[in-house]
Amino acid sequence: MDVTALSNAKVGSMGVVERIDLPEDVCHYLAHLGFLPGTTIEVLRSAPAGDPRVYRLDGVEVGLRFETAKHIYLKVAEAVGAWR
């Protein structure tokens, strides 16, 4: 599996969080949203301008800005019915 920044994962792809490279307070906030190493994430859709994007993790949809998502690294597993 390839490791890529969450911000670079294609819409419709899925993967597992490998690591998060952000300050501790931001990591703590993201952990409360469910962004933890080992969590499976699906890239659902992007806003018309491409930012923010919506992700599904543990059955919950969460929107993140590009600036945050680029520091979350994902092992990309597969594409699931990509649509944009």
PDB file of N, CA and C in Angstrom:
ATOM      1  N   MET A   1       0.832  -1.186   0.000  1.00  0.00           N
ATOM      2  CA  MET A   1       0.000   0.000   0.000  1.00  0.00           C
ATOM      3  C   MET A   1       0.873   1.244   0.000  1.00  0.00           C
ATOM      4  N   ASP A   2       0.435   2.226  -0.755  1.00  0.00           N
ATOM      5  CA  ASP A   2       1.137   3.499  -0.810  1.00  0.00           C
ATOM      6  C   ASP A   2       0.712   4.382   0.350  1.00  0.00           C
ATOM      7  N   VAL A   3       1.665   5.166   0.869  1.00  0.00           N
ATOM      8  CA  VAL A   3       1.353   6.148   1.903  1.00  0.00           C
ATOM      9  C   VAL A   3       1.314   7.512   1.238  1.00  0.00           C
ATOM     10  N   THR A   4       0.224   8.231   1.470  1.00  0.00           N
ATOM     11  CA  THR A   4       0.063   9.550   0.884  1.00  0.00           C
ATOM     12  C   THR A   4      -0.628  10.466   1.894  1.00  0.00           C
ATOM     13  N   ALA A   5      -0.488  11.754   1.675  1.00  0.00           N
ATOM     14  CA  ALA A   5      -1.215  12.706   2.519  1.00  0.00           C
ATOM     15  C   ALA A   5      -2.700  12.566   2.237  1.00  0.00           C
ATOM     16  N   LEU A   6      -3.505  12.683   3.256  1.00  0.00           N
ATOM     17  CA  LEU A   6      -4.958  12.573   3.097  1.00  0.00           C
ATOM     18  C   LEU A   6      -5.461  13.580   2.077  1.00  0.00           C
ATOM     19  N   SER A   7      -4.843  14.734   2.040  1.00  0.00           N
ATOM     20  CA  SER A   7      -5.260  15.778   1.087  1.00  0.00           C
ATOM     21  C   SER A   7      -5.035  15.359  -0.363  1.00  0.00           C
ATOM     22  N   ASN A   8      -4.128  14.410  -0.592  1.00  0.00           N
ATOM     23  CA  ASN A   8      -3.824  13.953  -1.955  1.00  0.00           C
ATOM     24  C   ASN A   8      -4.570  12.682  -2.350  1.00  0.00           C
ATOM     25  N   ALA A   9      -5.261  12.062  -1.400  1.00  0.00           N
ATOM     26  CA  ALA A   9      -6.024  10.846  -1.708  1.00  0.00           C
ATOM     27  C   ALA A   9      -7.188  11.210  -2.625  1.00  0.00           C
ATOM     28  N   LYS A  10      -7.476  10.344  -3.576  1.00  0.00           N
ATOM     29  CA  LYS A  10      -8.534  10.612  -4.544  1.00  0.00           C
ATOM     30  C   LYS A  10      -9.905  10.402  -3.916  1.00  0.00           C
ATOM     31  N   VAL A  11     -10.861  11.189  -4.392  1.00  0.00           N
ATOM     32  CA  VAL A  11     -12.246  10.990  -3.973  1.00  0.00           C
ATOM     33  C   VAL A  11     -12.642   9.567  -4.358  1.00  0.00           C
ATOM     34  N   GLY A  12     -13.244   8.855  -3.422  1.00  0.00           N
ATOM     35  CA  GLY A  12     -13.639   7.472  -3.639  1.00  0.00           C
ATOM     36  C   GLY A  12     -12.638   6.469  -3.111  1.00  0.00           C
ATOM     37  N   SER A  13     -11.468   6.951  -2.706  1.00  0.00           N
ATOM     38  CA  SER A  13     -10.461   6.027  -2.183  1.00  0.00           C
ATOM     39  C   SER A  13     -10.639   5.835  -0.677  1.00  0.00           C
ATOM     40  N   MET A  14     -10.046   4.765  -0.186  1.00  0.00           N
ATOM     41  CA  MET A  14     -10.077   4.461   1.244  1.00  0.00           C
ATOM     42  C   MET A  14      -8.666   4.159   1.699  1.00  0.00           C
ATOM     43  N   GLY A  15      -8.450   4.304   2.977  1.00  0.00           N
ATOM     44  CA  GLY A  15      -7.159   3.961   3.522  1.00  0.00           C
ATOM     45  C   GLY A  15      -7.181   3.985   5.035  1.00  0.00           C
ATOM     46  N   VAL A  16      -6.033   3.679   5.595  1.00  0.00           N
ATOM     47  CA  VAL A  16      -5.881   3.614   7.047  1.00  0.00           C
ATOM     48  C   VAL A  16      -4.892   4.688   7.469  1.00  0.00           C
ATOM     49  N   VAL A  17      -5.232   5.425   8.519  1.00  0.00           N
ATOM     50  CA  VAL A  17      -4.348   6.490   9.011  1.00  0.00           C
ATOM     51  C   VAL A  17      -3.048   5.874   9.502  1.00  0.00           C
ATOM     52  N   GLU A  18      -1.937   6.347   8.938  1.00  0.00           N
ATOM     53  CA  GLU A  18      -0.596   5.879   9.304  1.00  0.00           C
ATOM     54  C   GLU A  18      -0.044   6.741  10.441  1.00  0.00           C
ATOM     55  N   ARG A  19      -0.111   8.055  10.256  1.00  0.00           N
ATOM     56  CA  ARG A  19       0.388   8.974  11.284  1.00  0.00           C
ATOM     57  C   ARG A  19      -0.163  10.373  11.030  1.00  0.00           C
ATOM     58  N   ILE A  20      -0.073  11.210  12.057  1.00  0.00           N
ATOM     59  CA  ILE A  20      -0.522  12.599  11.959  1.00  0.00           C
ATOM     60  C   ILE A  20       0.619  13.471  12.422  1.00  0.00           C
ATOM     61  N   ASP A  21       1.077  14.372  11.560  1.00  0.00           N
ATOM     62  CA  ASP A  21       2.193  15.265  11.880  1.00  0.00           C
ATOM     63  C   ASP A  21       1.678  16.679  12.107  1.00  0.00           C
ATOM     64  N   LEU A  22       1.088  16.904  13.264  1.00  0.00           N
ATOM     65  CA  LEU A  22       0.555  18.216  13.637  1.00  0.00           C
ATOM     66  C   LEU A  22       0.868  18.457  15.117  1.00  0.00           C
ATOM     67  N   PRO A  23       0.773  19.698  15.565  1.00  0.00           N
ATOM     68  CA  PRO A  23       0.998  19.968  16.988  1.00  0.00           C
ATOM     69  C   PRO A  23       0.038  19.149  17.860  1.00  0.00           C
ATOM     70  N   GLU A  24       0.473  18.876  19.074  1.00  0.00           N
ATOM     71  CA  GLU A  24      -0.284  18.001  19.966  1.00  0.00           C
ATOM     72  C   GLU A  24      -1.718  18.457  20.186  1.00  0.00           C
ATOM     73  N   ASP A  25      -1.943  19.767  20.322  1.00  0.00           N
ATOM     74  CA  ASP A  25      -3.310  20.229  20.571  1.00  0.00           C
ATOM     75  C   ASP A  25      -4.217  19.958  19.369  1.00  0.00           C
ATOM     76  N   VAL A  26      -3.676  20.067  18.166  1.00  0.00           N
ATOM     77  CA  VAL A  26      -4.462  19.777  16.966  1.00  0.00           C
ATOM     78  C   VAL A  26      -4.705  18.271  16.856  1.00  0.00           C
ATOM     79  N   CYS A  27      -3.679  17.455  17.158  1.00  0.00           N
ATOM     80  CA  CYS A  27      -3.840  15.996  17.155  1.00  0.00           C
ATOM     81  C   CYS A  27      -4.912  15.575  18.151  1.00  0.00           C
ATOM     82  N   HIS A  28      -4.926  16.228  19.299  1.00  0.00           N
ATOM     83  CA  HIS A  28      -5.919  15.910  20.326  1.00  0.00           C
ATOM     84  C   HIS A  28      -7.320  16.211  19.807  1.00  0.00           C
ATOM     85  N   TYR A  29      -7.481  17.357  19.164  1.00  0.00           N
ATOM     86  CA  TYR A  29      -8.776  17.725  18.587  1.00  0.00           C
ATOM     87  C   TYR A  29      -9.188  16.710  17.521  1.00  0.00           C
ATOM     88  N   LEU A  30      -8.253  16.354  16.639  1.00  0.00           N
ATOM     89  CA  LEU A  30      -8.561  15.390  15.574  1.00  0.00           C
ATOM     90  C   LEU A  30      -8.894  14.013  16.148  1.00  0.00           C
ATOM     91  N   ALA A  31      -8.233  13.640  17.244  1.00  0.00           N
ATOM     92  CA  ALA A  31      -8.513  12.354  17.880  1.00  0.00           C
ATOM     93  C   ALA A  31      -9.965  12.302  18.357  1.00  0.00           C
ATOM     94  N   HIS A  32     -10.464  13.439  18.857  1.00  0.00           N
ATOM     95  CA  HIS A  32     -11.865  13.486  19.289  1.00  0.00           C
ATOM     96  C   HIS A  32     -12.812  13.329  18.110  1.00  0.00           C
ATOM     97  N   LEU A  33     -12.372  13.712  16.917  1.00  0.00           N
ATOM     98  CA  LEU A  33     -13.194  13.533  15.714  1.00  0.00           C
ATOM     99  C   LEU A  33     -13.062  12.120  15.155  1.00  0.00           C
ATOM    100  N   GLY A  34     -12.075  11.363  15.649  1.00  0.00           N
ATOM    101  CA  GLY A  34     -11.880   9.987  15.203  1.00  0.00           C
ATOM    102  C   GLY A  34     -10.648   9.775  14.350  1.00  0.00           C
ATOM    103  N   PHE A  35      -9.867  10.817  14.105  1.00  0.00           N
ATOM    104  CA  PHE A  35      -8.643  10.686  13.301  1.00  0.00           C
ATOM    105  C   PHE A  35      -7.517  10.159  14.181  1.00  0.00           C
ATOM    106  N   LEU A  36      -7.403   8.838  14.227  1.00  0.00           N
ATOM    107  CA  LEU A  36      -6.380   8.171  15.022  1.00  0.00           C
ATOM    108  C   LEU A  36      -5.639   7.175  14.143  1.00  0.00           C
ATOM    109  N   PRO A  37      -4.368   6.919  14.423  1.00  0.00           N
ATOM    110  CA  PRO A  37      -3.659   5.888  13.661  1.00  0.00           C
ATOM    111  C   PRO A  37      -4.434   4.569  13.723  1.00  0.00           C
ATOM    112  N   GLY A  38      -4.570   3.929  12.555  1.00  0.00           N
ATOM    113  CA  GLY A  38      -5.289   2.665  12.463  1.00  0.00           C
ATOM    114  C   GLY A  38      -6.746   2.818  12.048  1.00  0.00           C
ATOM    115  N   THR A  39      -7.245   4.048  12.027  1.00  0.00           N
ATOM    116  CA  THR A  39      -8.636   4.302  11.635  1.00  0.00           C
ATOM    117  C   THR A  39      -8.775   4.252  10.119  1.00  0.00           C
ATOM    118  N   THR A  40      -9.826   3.593   9.630  1.00  0.00           N
ATOM    119  CA  THR A  40     -10.107   3.558   8.197  1.00  0.00           C
ATOM    120  C   THR A  40     -10.892   4.804   7.807  1.00  0.00           C
ATOM    121  N   ILE A  41     -10.439   5.453   6.726  1.00  0.00           N
ATOM    122  CA  ILE A  41     -11.059   6.687   6.233  1.00  0.00           C
ATOM    123  C   ILE A  41     -11.425   6.511   4.774  1.00  0.00           C
ATOM    124  N   GLU A  42     -12.606   6.991   4.414  1.00  0.00           N
ATOM    125  CA  GLU A  42     -13.044   7.015   3.022  1.00  0.00           C
ATOM    126  C   GLU A  42     -13.159   8.471   2.593  1.00  0.00           C
ATOM    127  N   VAL A  43     -12.614   8.787   1.442  1.00  0.00           N
ATOM    128  CA  VAL A  43     -12.700  10.152   0.904  1.00  0.00           C
ATOM    129  C   VAL A  43     -14.011  10.247   0.140  1.00  0.00           C
ATOM    130  N   LEU A  44     -14.953  11.034   0.646  1.00  0.00           N
ATOM    131  CA  LEU A  44     -16.300  11.073   0.071  1.00  0.00           C
ATOM    132  C   LEU A  44     -16.467  12.088  -1.042  1.00  0.00           C
ATOM    133  N   ARG A  45     -16.122  13.335  -0.791  1.00  0.00           N
ATOM    134  CA  ARG A  45     -16.355  14.372  -1.798  1.00  0.00           C
ATOM    135  C   ARG A  45     -15.587  15.651  -1.441  1.00  0.00           C
ATOM    136  N   SER A  46     -15.503  16.523  -2.449  1.00  0.00           N
ATOM    137  CA  SER A  46     -14.857  17.823  -2.278  1.00  0.00           C
ATOM    138  C   SER A  46     -15.865  18.924  -2.524  1.00  0.00           C
ATOM    139  N   ALA A  47     -15.635  20.072  -1.913  1.00  0.00           N
ATOM    140  CA  ALA A  47     -16.414  21.259  -2.229  1.00  0.00           C
ATOM    141  C   ALA A  47     -16.121  21.631  -3.690  1.00  0.00           C
ATOM    142  N   PRO A  48     -16.980  22.413  -4.321  1.00  0.00           N
ATOM    143  CA  PRO A  48     -16.768  22.759  -5.727  1.00  0.00           C
ATOM    144  C   PRO A  48     -15.376  23.338  -6.032  1.00  0.00           C
ATOM    145  N   ALA A  49     -14.806  24.075  -5.109  1.00  0.00           N
ATOM    146  CA  ALA A  49     -13.468  24.631  -5.325  1.00  0.00           C
ATOM    147  C   ALA A  49     -12.371  23.661  -4.855  1.00  0.00           C
ATOM    148  N   GLY A  50     -12.757  22.477  -4.359  1.00  0.00           N
ATOM    149  CA  GLY A  50     -11.784  21.476  -3.942  1.00  0.00           C
ATOM    150  C   GLY A  50     -11.448  21.485  -2.458  1.00  0.00           C
ATOM    151  N   ASP A  51     -11.894  22.474  -1.737  1.00  0.00           N
ATOM    152  CA  ASP A  51     -11.566  22.584  -0.316  1.00  0.00           C
ATOM    153  C   ASP A  51     -12.730  23.244   0.408  1.00  0.00           C
ATOM    154  N   PRO A  52     -13.246  22.683   1.488  1.00  0.00           N
ATOM    155  CA  PRO A  52     -12.793  21.483   2.181  1.00  0.00           C
ATOM    156  C   PRO A  52     -13.257  20.204   1.486  1.00  0.00           C
ATOM    157  N   ARG A  53     -12.818  19.078   2.042  1.00  0.00           N
ATOM    158  CA  ARG A  53     -13.247  17.766   1.581  1.00  0.00           C
ATOM    159  C   ARG A  53     -13.949  17.057   2.742  1.00  0.00           C
ATOM    160  N   VAL A  54     -14.804  16.125   2.373  1.00  0.00           N
ATOM    161  CA  VAL A  54     -15.552  15.378   3.378  1.00  0.00           C
ATOM    162  C   VAL A  54     -15.053  13.943   3.400  1.00  0.00           C
ATOM    163  N   TYR A  55     -14.824  13.453   4.607  1.00  0.00           N
ATOM    164  CA  TYR A  55     -14.315  12.103   4.826  1.00  0.00           C
ATOM    165  C   TYR A  55     -15.291  11.353   5.713  1.00  0.00           C
ATOM    166  N   ARG A  56     -15.334  10.027   5.550  1.00  0.00           N
ATOM    167  CA  ARG A  56     -16.140   9.189   6.443  1.00  0.00           C
ATOM    168  C   ARG A  56     -15.210   8.314   7.259  1.00  0.00           C
ATOM    169  N   LEU A  57     -15.400   8.364   8.571  1.00  0.00           N
ATOM    170  CA  LEU A  57     -14.649   7.488   9.464  1.00  0.00           C
ATOM    171  C   LEU A  57     -15.579   7.034  10.564  1.00  0.00           C
ATOM    172  N   ASP A  58     -15.597   5.745  10.809  1.00  0.00           N
ATOM    173  CA  ASP A  58     -16.480   5.139  11.810  1.00  0.00           C
ATOM    174  C   ASP A  58     -17.933   5.547  11.598  1.00  0.00           C
ATOM    175  N   GLY A  59     -18.356   5.654  10.336  1.00  0.00           N
ATOM    176  CA  GLY A  59     -19.748   5.966  10.024  1.00  0.00           C
ATOM    177  C   GLY A  59     -20.119   7.427  10.138  1.00  0.00           C
ATOM    178  N   VAL A  60     -19.165   8.285  10.445  1.00  0.00           N
ATOM    179  CA  VAL A  60     -19.415   9.714  10.612  1.00  0.00           C
ATOM    180  C   VAL A  60     -18.726  10.490   9.505  1.00  0.00           C
ATOM    181  N   GLU A  61     -19.410  11.480   8.942  1.00  0.00           N
ATOM    182  CA  GLU A  61     -18.812  12.330   7.917  1.00  0.00           C
ATOM    183  C   GLU A  61     -18.208  13.571   8.576  1.00  0.00           C
ATOM    184  N   VAL A  62     -16.952  13.841   8.229  1.00  0.00           N
ATOM    185  CA  VAL A  62     -16.214  14.966   8.815  1.00  0.00           C
ATOM    186  C   VAL A  62     -15.571  15.757   7.684  1.00  0.00           C
ATOM    187  N   GLY A  63     -15.705  17.079   7.729  1.00  0.00           N
ATOM    188  CA  GLY A  63     -15.063  17.945   6.743  1.00  0.00           C
ATOM    189  C   GLY A  63     -13.752  18.476   7.295  1.00  0.00           C
ATOM    190  N   LEU A  64     -12.719  18.470   6.445  1.00  0.00           N
ATOM    191  CA  LEU A  64     -11.411  19.009   6.829  1.00  0.00           C
ATOM    192  C   LEU A  64     -10.881  19.889   5.722  1.00  0.00           C
ATOM    193  N   ARG A  65     -10.194  20.940   6.098  1.00  0.00           N
ATOM    194  CA  ARG A  65      -9.515  21.804   5.145  1.00  0.00           C
ATOM    195  C   ARG A  65      -8.242  21.127   4.645  1.00  0.00           C
ATOM    196  N   PHE A  66      -7.813  21.520   3.449  1.00  0.00           N
ATOM    197  CA  PHE A  66      -6.594  20.997   2.838  1.00  0.00           C
ATOM    198  C   PHE A  66      -5.415  21.164   3.773  1.00  0.00           C
ATOM    199  N   GLU A  67      -5.306  22.329   4.414  1.00  0.00           N
ATOM    200  CA  GLU A  67      -4.152  22.624   5.274  1.00  0.00           C
ATOM    201  C   GLU A  67      -4.023  21.637   6.435  1.00  0.00           C
ATOM    202  N   THR A  68      -5.115  21.108   6.922  1.00  0.00           N
ATOM    203  CA  THR A  68      -5.063  20.108   7.982  1.00  0.00           C
ATOM    204  C   THR A  68      -4.830  18.724   7.392  1.00  0.00           C
ATOM    205  N   ALA A  69      -5.569  18.392   6.333  1.00  0.00           N
ATOM    206  CA  ALA A  69      -5.497  17.049   5.743  1.00  0.00           C
ATOM    207  C   ALA A  69      -4.110  16.724   5.178  1.00  0.00           C
ATOM    208  N   LYS A  70      -3.348  17.746   4.811  1.00  0.00           N
ATOM    209  CA  LYS A  70      -2.036  17.461   4.225  1.00  0.00           C
ATOM    210  C   LYS A  70      -1.030  16.952   5.255  1.00  0.00           C
ATOM    211  N   HIS A  71      -1.377  17.019   6.542  1.00  0.00           N
ATOM    212  CA  HIS A  71      -0.494  16.522   7.600  1.00  0.00           C
ATOM    213  C   HIS A  71      -0.946  15.177   8.166  1.00  0.00           C
ATOM    214  N   ILE A  72      -1.982  14.605   7.567  1.00  0.00           N
ATOM    215  CA  ILE A  72      -2.473  13.288   7.971  1.00  0.00           C
ATOM    216  C   ILE A  72      -2.059  12.313   6.880  1.00  0.00           C
ATOM    217  N   TYR A  73      -1.300  11.292   7.255  1.00  0.00           N
ATOM    218  CA  TYR A  73      -0.777  10.345   6.260  1.00  0.00           C
ATOM    219  C   TYR A  73      -1.573   9.056   6.306  1.00  0.00           C
ATOM    220  N   LEU A  74      -1.895   8.582   5.114  1.00  0.00           N
ATOM    221  CA  LEU A  74      -2.830   7.481   4.932  1.00  0.00           C
ATOM    222  C   LEU A  74      -2.186   6.391   4.088  1.00  0.00           C
ATOM    223  N   LYS A  75      -2.390   5.130   4.483  1.00  0.00           N
ATOM    224  CA  LYS A  75      -2.049   3.998   3.625  1.00  0.00           C
ATOM    225  C   LYS A  75      -3.277   3.755   2.766  1.00  0.00           C
ATOM    226  N   VAL A  76      -3.178   4.112   1.489  1.00  0.00           N
ATOM    227  CA  VAL A  76      -4.326   4.004   0.594  1.00  0.00           C
ATOM    228  C   VAL A  76      -4.555   2.539   0.253  1.00  0.00           C
ATOM    229  N   ALA A  77      -5.798   2.088   0.452  1.00  0.00           N
ATOM    230  CA  ALA A  77      -6.134   0.690   0.243  1.00  0.00           C
ATOM    231  C   ALA A  77      -6.816   0.439  -1.088  1.00  0.00           C
ATOM    232  N   GLU A  78      -7.849   1.185  -1.404  1.00  0.00           N
ATOM    233  CA  GLU A  78      -8.621   0.908  -2.612  1.00  0.00           C
ATOM    234  C   GLU A  78      -9.513   2.095  -2.949  1.00  0.00           C
ATOM    235  N   ALA A  79     -10.031   2.055  -4.172  1.00  0.00           N
ATOM    236  CA  ALA A  79     -11.008   3.052  -4.593  1.00  0.00           C
ATOM    237  C   ALA A  79     -12.379   2.409  -4.494  1.00  0.00           C
ATOM    238  N   VAL A  80     -13.353   3.153  -4.000  1.00  0.00           N
ATOM    239  CA  VAL A  80     -14.715   2.628  -3.877  1.00  0.00           C
ATOM    240  C   VAL A  80     -15.672   3.584  -4.573  1.00  0.00           C
ATOM    241  N   GLY A  81     -16.088   3.251  -5.769  1.00  0.00           N
ATOM    242  CA  GLY A  81     -17.102   4.026  -6.487  1.00  0.00           C
ATOM    243  C   GLY A  81     -16.836   5.514  -6.527  1.00  0.00           C
ATOM    244  N   ALA A  82     -15.714   5.908  -7.057  1.00  0.00           N
ATOM    245  CA  ALA A  82     -15.348   7.320  -7.095  1.00  0.00           C
ATOM    246  C   ALA A  82     -16.384   8.160  -7.832  1.00  0.00           C
ATOM    247  N   TRP A  83     -16.722   9.282  -7.257  1.00  0.00           N
ATOM    248  CA  TRP A  83     -17.578  10.259  -7.913  1.00  0.00           C
ATOM    249  C   TRP A  83     -17.159  11.621  -7.424  1.00  0.00           C
ATOM    250  N   ARG A  84     -17.344  12.582  -8.219  1.00  0.00           N
ATOM    251  CA  ARG A  84     -16.933  13.926  -7.880  1.00  0.00           C
ATOM    252  C   ARG A  84     -17.989  14.927  -8.143  1.00  0.00           C
TER     253      ARG A  84
END
